[in-house]
């Protein structure tokens, strides 16, 4: 996935800054949700919800 495509989807679903960074770390850098949550000092639950919203939006756009 390209960074620009990721940013567009994140804008569309209204991800906040840290959630957006976590999704970027997972989607672009291949980091796990746990590692992203530790690096950004946010809860794993927050990261998981943001990533699930992001993946759902990606799936809807590709349909």
PDB file of N, CA and C in Angstrom:
ATOM      1  N   UNK A   1       0.841  -1.179   0.000  1.00  0.00           N
ATOM      2  CA  UNK A   1       0.000   0.000   0.000  1.00  0.00           C
ATOM      3  C   UNK A   1       0.886   1.242   0.000  1.00  0.00           C
ATOM      4  N   UNK A   2       0.473   2.205  -0.779  1.00  0.00           N
ATOM      5  CA  UNK A   2       1.217   3.463  -0.848  1.00  0.00           C
ATOM      6  C   UNK A   2       0.758   4.398   0.266  1.00  0.00           C
ATOM      7  N   UNK A   3       1.668   5.251   0.713  1.00  0.00           N
ATOM      8  CA  UNK A   3       1.397   6.183   1.807  1.00  0.00           C
ATOM      9  C   UNK A   3       0.242   7.122   1.462  1.00  0.00           C
ATOM     10  N   UNK A   4       0.195   7.608   0.248  1.00  0.00           N
ATOM     11  CA  UNK A   4      -0.876   8.533  -0.151  1.00  0.00           C
ATOM     12  C   UNK A   4      -2.247   7.876  -0.071  1.00  0.00           C
ATOM     13  N   UNK A   5      -2.329   6.622  -0.491  1.00  0.00           N
ATOM     14  CA  UNK A   5      -3.591   5.894  -0.416  1.00  0.00           C
ATOM     15  C   UNK A   5      -4.006   5.711   1.042  1.00  0.00           C
ATOM     16  N   UNK A   6      -3.053   5.385   1.900  1.00  0.00           N
ATOM     17  CA  UNK A   6      -3.347   5.216   3.311  1.00  0.00           C
ATOM     18  C   UNK A   6      -3.841   6.514   3.929  1.00  0.00           C
ATOM     19  N   UNK A   7      -3.192   7.622   3.595  1.00  0.00           N
ATOM     20  CA  UNK A   7      -3.594   8.926   4.130  1.00  0.00           C
ATOM     21  C   UNK A   7      -5.004   9.301   3.692  1.00  0.00           C
ATOM     22  N   UNK A   8      -5.331   9.018   2.439  1.00  0.00           N
ATOM     23  CA  UNK A   8      -6.663   9.336   1.921  1.00  0.00           C
ATOM     24  C   UNK A   8      -7.746   8.585   2.686  1.00  0.00           C
ATOM     25  N   UNK A   9      -7.523   7.300   2.927  1.00  0.00           N
ATOM     26  CA  UNK A   9      -8.499   6.497   3.658  1.00  0.00           C
ATOM     27  C   UNK A   9      -8.595   6.968   5.110  1.00  0.00           C
ATOM     28  N   UNK A  10      -7.452   7.264   5.728  1.00  0.00           N
ATOM     29  CA  UNK A  10      -7.444   7.745   7.113  1.00  0.00           C
ATOM     30  C   UNK A  10      -8.203   9.069   7.230  1.00  0.00           C
ATOM     31  N   UNK A  11      -8.036   9.957   6.254  1.00  0.00           N
ATOM     32  CA  UNK A  11      -8.789  11.217   6.238  1.00  0.00           C
ATOM     33  C   UNK A  11     -10.285  10.954   6.109  1.00  0.00           C
ATOM     34  N   UNK A  12     -10.628  10.037   5.232  1.00  0.00           N
ATOM     35  CA  UNK A  12     -12.029   9.729   4.960  1.00  0.00           C
ATOM     36  C   UNK A  12     -12.749   9.233   6.213  1.00  0.00           C
ATOM     37  N   UNK A  13     -12.076   8.419   7.022  1.00  0.00           N
ATOM     38  CA  UNK A  13     -12.738   7.873   8.208  1.00  0.00           C
ATOM     39  C   UNK A  13     -12.454   8.686   9.467  1.00  0.00           C
ATOM     40  N   UNK A  14     -11.666   9.744   9.343  1.00  0.00           N
ATOM     41  CA  UNK A  14     -11.435  10.660  10.454  1.00  0.00           C
ATOM     42  C   UNK A  14     -10.566  10.122  11.573  1.00  0.00           C
ATOM     43  N   UNK A  15      -9.509   9.402  11.227  1.00  0.00           N
ATOM     44  CA  UNK A  15      -8.608   8.904  12.272  1.00  0.00           C
ATOM     45  C   UNK A  15      -7.839  10.054  12.916  1.00  0.00           C
ATOM     46  N   UNK A  16      -7.714   9.987  14.224  1.00  0.00           N
ATOM     47  CA  UNK A  16      -6.926  10.983  14.948  1.00  0.00           C
ATOM     48  C   UNK A  16      -5.444  10.712  14.716  1.00  0.00           C
ATOM     49  N   UNK A  17      -4.607  11.675  15.093  1.00  0.00           N
ATOM     50  CA  UNK A  17      -3.187  11.634  14.761  1.00  0.00           C
ATOM     51  C   UNK A  17      -2.492  10.348  15.219  1.00  0.00           C
ATOM     52  N   UNK A  18      -2.618   9.983  16.477  1.00  0.00           N
ATOM     53  CA  UNK A  18      -1.905   8.792  16.970  1.00  0.00           C
ATOM     54  C   UNK A  18      -2.465   7.523  16.346  1.00  0.00           C
ATOM     55  N   UNK A  19      -3.767   7.469  16.151  1.00  0.00           N
ATOM     56  CA  UNK A  19      -4.366   6.299  15.509  1.00  0.00           C
ATOM     57  C   UNK A  19      -3.875   6.179  14.075  1.00  0.00           C
ATOM     58  N   UNK A  20      -3.790   7.300  13.402  1.00  0.00           N
ATOM     59  CA  UNK A  20      -3.283   7.334  12.023  1.00  0.00           C
ATOM     60  C   UNK A  20      -1.833   6.850  11.973  1.00  0.00           C
ATOM     61  N   UNK A  21      -1.025   7.305  12.924  1.00  0.00           N
ATOM     62  CA  UNK A  21       0.364   6.880  12.978  1.00  0.00           C
ATOM     63  C   UNK A  21       0.462   5.374  13.221  1.00  0.00           C
ATOM     64  N   UNK A  22      -0.392   4.862  14.097  1.00  0.00           N
ATOM     65  CA  UNK A  22      -0.374   3.427  14.390  1.00  0.00           C
ATOM     66  C   UNK A  22      -0.734   2.619  13.148  1.00  0.00           C
ATOM     67  N   UNK A  23      -1.769   3.046  12.442  1.00  0.00           N
ATOM     68  CA  UNK A  23      -2.176   2.344  11.223  1.00  0.00           C
ATOM     69  C   UNK A  23      -1.048   2.402  10.196  1.00  0.00           C
ATOM     70  N   UNK A  24      -0.399   3.525  10.102  1.00  0.00           N
ATOM     71  CA  UNK A  24       0.718   3.666   9.167  1.00  0.00           C
ATOM     72  C   UNK A  24       1.846   2.705   9.540  1.00  0.00           C
ATOM     73  N   UNK A  25       2.180   2.628  10.817  1.00  0.00           N
ATOM     74  CA  UNK A  25       3.227   1.710  11.253  1.00  0.00           C
ATOM     75  C   UNK A  25       2.876   0.267  10.907  1.00  0.00           C
ATOM     76  N   UNK A  26       1.611  -0.079  11.027  1.00  0.00           N
ATOM     77  CA  UNK A  26       1.185  -1.444  10.742  1.00  0.00           C
ATOM     78  C   UNK A  26       1.118  -1.717   9.242  1.00  0.00           C
ATOM     79  N   UNK A  27       0.486  -0.819   8.495  1.00  0.00           N
ATOM     80  CA  UNK A  27       0.256  -1.044   7.067  1.00  0.00           C
ATOM     81  C   UNK A  27       1.496  -0.795   6.207  1.00  0.00           C
ATOM     82  N   UNK A  28       2.256   0.231   6.528  1.00  0.00           N
ATOM     83  CA  UNK A  28       3.412   0.599   5.703  1.00  0.00           C
ATOM     84  C   UNK A  28       4.684  -0.103   6.184  1.00  0.00           C
ATOM     85  N   UNK A  29       4.897  -0.099   7.511  1.00  0.00           N
ATOM     86  CA  UNK A  29       6.137  -0.639   8.063  1.00  0.00           C
ATOM     87  C   UNK A  29       6.038  -2.100   8.490  1.00  0.00           C
ATOM     88  N   UNK A  30       4.826  -2.656   8.496  1.00  0.00           N
ATOM     89  CA  UNK A  30       4.655  -4.059   8.850  1.00  0.00           C
ATOM     90  C   UNK A  30       4.764  -4.359  10.341  1.00  0.00           C
ATOM     91  N   UNK A  31       4.599  -3.347  11.158  1.00  0.00           N
ATOM     92  CA  UNK A  31       4.702  -3.510  12.602  1.00  0.00           C
ATOM     93  C   UNK A  31       3.434  -4.174  13.156  1.00  0.00           C
ATOM     94  N   UNK A  32       3.561  -4.884  14.252  1.00  0.00           N
ATOM     95  CA  UNK A  32       2.378  -5.458  14.893  1.00  0.00           C
ATOM     96  C   UNK A  32       1.615  -4.362  15.638  1.00  0.00           C
ATOM     97  N   UNK A  33       0.366  -4.647  15.936  1.00  0.00           N
ATOM     98  CA  UNK A  33      -0.437  -3.699  16.700  1.00  0.00           C
ATOM     99  C   UNK A  33       0.153  -3.442  18.075  1.00  0.00           C
ATOM    100  N   UNK A  34       0.648  -4.497  18.700  1.00  0.00           N
ATOM    101  CA  UNK A  34       1.254  -4.361  20.022  1.00  0.00           C
ATOM    102  C   UNK A  34       2.472  -3.446  19.967  1.00  0.00           C
ATOM    103  N   UNK A  35       3.341  -3.673  18.985  1.00  0.00           N
ATOM    104  CA  UNK A  35       4.553  -2.851  18.854  1.00  0.00           C
ATOM    105  C   UNK A  35       4.202  -1.398  18.561  1.00  0.00           C
ATOM    106  N   UNK A  36       3.207  -1.177  17.713  1.00  0.00           N
ATOM    107  CA  UNK A  36       2.778   0.195  17.403  1.00  0.00           C
ATOM    108  C   UNK A  36       2.223   0.877  18.646  1.00  0.00           C
ATOM    109  N   UNK A  37       1.450   0.154  19.432  1.00  0.00           N
ATOM    110  CA  UNK A  37       0.872   0.753  20.647  1.00  0.00           C
ATOM    111  C   UNK A  37       1.971   1.108  21.647  1.00  0.00           C
ATOM    112  N   UNK A  38       2.970   0.267  21.768  1.00  0.00           N
ATOM    113  CA  UNK A  38       4.079   0.541  22.678  1.00  0.00           C
ATOM    114  C   UNK A  38       4.896   1.742  22.194  1.00  0.00           C
ATOM    115  N   UNK A  39       5.175   1.783  20.903  1.00  0.00           N
ATOM    116  CA  UNK A  39       5.989   2.879  20.362  1.00  0.00           C
ATOM    117  C   UNK A  39       5.291   4.224  20.523  1.00  0.00           C
ATOM    118  N   UNK A  40       3.976   4.250  20.330  1.00  0.00           N
ATOM    119  CA  UNK A  40       3.224   5.507  20.366  1.00  0.00           C
ATOM    120  C   UNK A  40       2.626   5.803  21.740  1.00  0.00           C
ATOM    121  N   UNK A  41       2.804   4.879  22.677  1.00  0.00           N
ATOM    122  CA  UNK A  41       2.284   5.018  24.034  1.00  0.00           C
ATOM    123  C   UNK A  41       0.770   5.235  24.046  1.00  0.00           C
ATOM    124  N   UNK A  42       0.070   4.386  23.285  1.00  0.00           N
ATOM    125  CA  UNK A  42      -1.390   4.360  23.305  1.00  0.00           C
ATOM    126  C   UNK A  42      -1.827   2.912  23.529  1.00  0.00           C
ATOM    127  N   UNK A  43      -3.068   2.737  23.919  1.00  0.00           N
ATOM    128  CA  UNK A  43      -3.519   1.389  24.251  1.00  0.00           C
ATOM    129  C   UNK A  43      -3.631   0.508  23.008  1.00  0.00           C
ATOM    130  N   UNK A  44      -3.425  -0.770  23.224  1.00  0.00           N
ATOM    131  CA  UNK A  44      -3.578  -1.741  22.145  1.00  0.00           C
ATOM    132  C   UNK A  44      -5.013  -1.724  21.632  1.00  0.00           C
ATOM    133  N   UNK A  45      -5.961  -1.509  22.515  1.00  0.00           N
ATOM    134  CA  UNK A  45      -7.370  -1.439  22.128  1.00  0.00           C
ATOM    135  C   UNK A  45      -7.611  -0.297  21.138  1.00  0.00           C
ATOM    136  N   UNK A  46      -7.014   0.845  21.389  1.00  0.00           N
ATOM    137  CA  UNK A  46      -7.149   1.997  20.489  1.00  0.00           C
ATOM    138  C   UNK A  46      -6.570   1.665  19.120  1.00  0.00           C
ATOM    139  N   UNK A  47      -5.414   1.044  19.124  1.00  0.00           N
ATOM    140  CA  UNK A  47      -4.756   0.657  17.869  1.00  0.00           C
ATOM    141  C   UNK A  47      -5.617  -0.356  17.118  1.00  0.00           C
ATOM    142  N   UNK A  48      -6.124  -1.348  17.828  1.00  0.00           N
ATOM    143  CA  UNK A  48      -6.940  -2.391  17.193  1.00  0.00           C
ATOM    144  C   UNK A  48      -8.211  -1.811  16.577  1.00  0.00           C
ATOM    145  N   UNK A  49      -8.884  -0.922  17.296  1.00  0.00           N
ATOM    146  CA  UNK A  49     -10.107  -0.308  16.761  1.00  0.00           C
ATOM    147  C   UNK A  49      -9.806   0.532  15.525  1.00  0.00           C
ATOM    148  N   UNK A  50      -8.733   1.317  15.582  1.00  0.00           N
ATOM    149  CA  UNK A  50      -8.363   2.160  14.439  1.00  0.00           C
ATOM    150  C   UNK A  50      -8.022   1.299  13.230  1.00  0.00           C
ATOM    151  N   UNK A  51      -7.276   0.230  13.459  1.00  0.00           N
ATOM    152  CA  UNK A  51      -6.884  -0.633  12.352  1.00  0.00           C
ATOM    153  C   UNK A  51      -8.096  -1.347  11.765  1.00  0.00           C
ATOM    154  N   UNK A  52      -9.012  -1.772  12.618  1.00  0.00           N
ATOM    155  CA  UNK A  52     -10.228  -2.435  12.132  1.00  0.00           C
ATOM    156  C   UNK A  52     -11.066  -1.474  11.291  1.00  0.00           C
ATOM    157  N   UNK A  53     -11.199  -0.225  11.742  1.00  0.00           N
ATOM    158  CA  UNK A  53     -11.941   0.781  10.961  1.00  0.00           C
ATOM    159  C   UNK A  53     -11.267   1.019   9.617  1.00  0.00           C
ATOM    160  N   UNK A  54      -9.946   1.103   9.643  1.00  0.00           N
ATOM    161  CA  UNK A  54      -9.179   1.331   8.424  1.00  0.00           C
ATOM    162  C   UNK A  54      -9.365   0.176   7.440  1.00  0.00           C
ATOM    163  N   UNK A  55      -9.220  -1.058   7.914  1.00  0.00           N
ATOM    164  CA  UNK A  55      -9.359  -2.226   7.055  1.00  0.00           C
ATOM    165  C   UNK A  55     -10.780  -2.341   6.490  1.00  0.00           C
ATOM    166  N   UNK A  56     -11.765  -2.004   7.308  1.00  0.00           N
ATOM    167  CA  UNK A  56     -13.153  -2.027   6.850  1.00  0.00           C
ATOM    168  C   UNK A  56     -13.368  -1.013   5.726  1.00  0.00           C
ATOM    169  N   UNK A  57     -12.816   0.176   5.893  1.00  0.00           N
ATOM    170  CA  UNK A  57     -12.938   1.201   4.859  1.00  0.00           C
ATOM    171  C   UNK A  57     -12.233   0.768   3.585  1.00  0.00           C
ATOM    172  N   UNK A  58     -11.069   0.147   3.728  1.00  0.00           N
ATOM    173  CA  UNK A  58     -10.351  -0.352   2.546  1.00  0.00           C
ATOM    174  C   UNK A  58     -11.185  -1.386   1.810  1.00  0.00           C
ATOM    175  N   UNK A  59     -11.794  -2.273   2.567  1.00  0.00           N
ATOM    176  CA  UNK A  59     -12.606  -3.341   1.965  1.00  0.00           C
ATOM    177  C   UNK A  59     -13.800  -2.741   1.228  1.00  0.00           C
ATOM    178  N   UNK A  60     -14.456  -1.742   1.829  1.00  0.00           N
ATOM    179  CA  UNK A  60     -15.609  -1.114   1.171  1.00  0.00           C
ATOM    180  C   UNK A  60     -15.198  -0.397  -0.099  1.00  0.00           C
ATOM    181  N   UNK A  61     -14.043   0.243  -0.089  1.00  0.00           N
ATOM    182  CA  UNK A  61     -13.592   0.961  -1.274  1.00  0.00           C
ATOM    183  C   UNK A  61     -13.221   0.018  -2.419  1.00  0.00           C
ATOM    184  N   UNK A  62     -12.775  -1.170  -2.081  1.00  0.00           N
ATOM    185  CA  UNK A  62     -12.379  -2.100  -3.127  1.00  0.00           C
ATOM    186  C   UNK A  62     -13.561  -2.897  -3.690  1.00  0.00           C
ATOM    187  N   UNK A  63     -14.705  -2.802  -3.039  1.00  0.00           N
ATOM    188  CA  UNK A  63     -15.889  -3.530  -3.524  1.00  0.00           C
ATOM    189  C   UNK A  63     -16.577  -2.828  -4.664  1.00  0.00           C
TER     190      UNK A  63
END
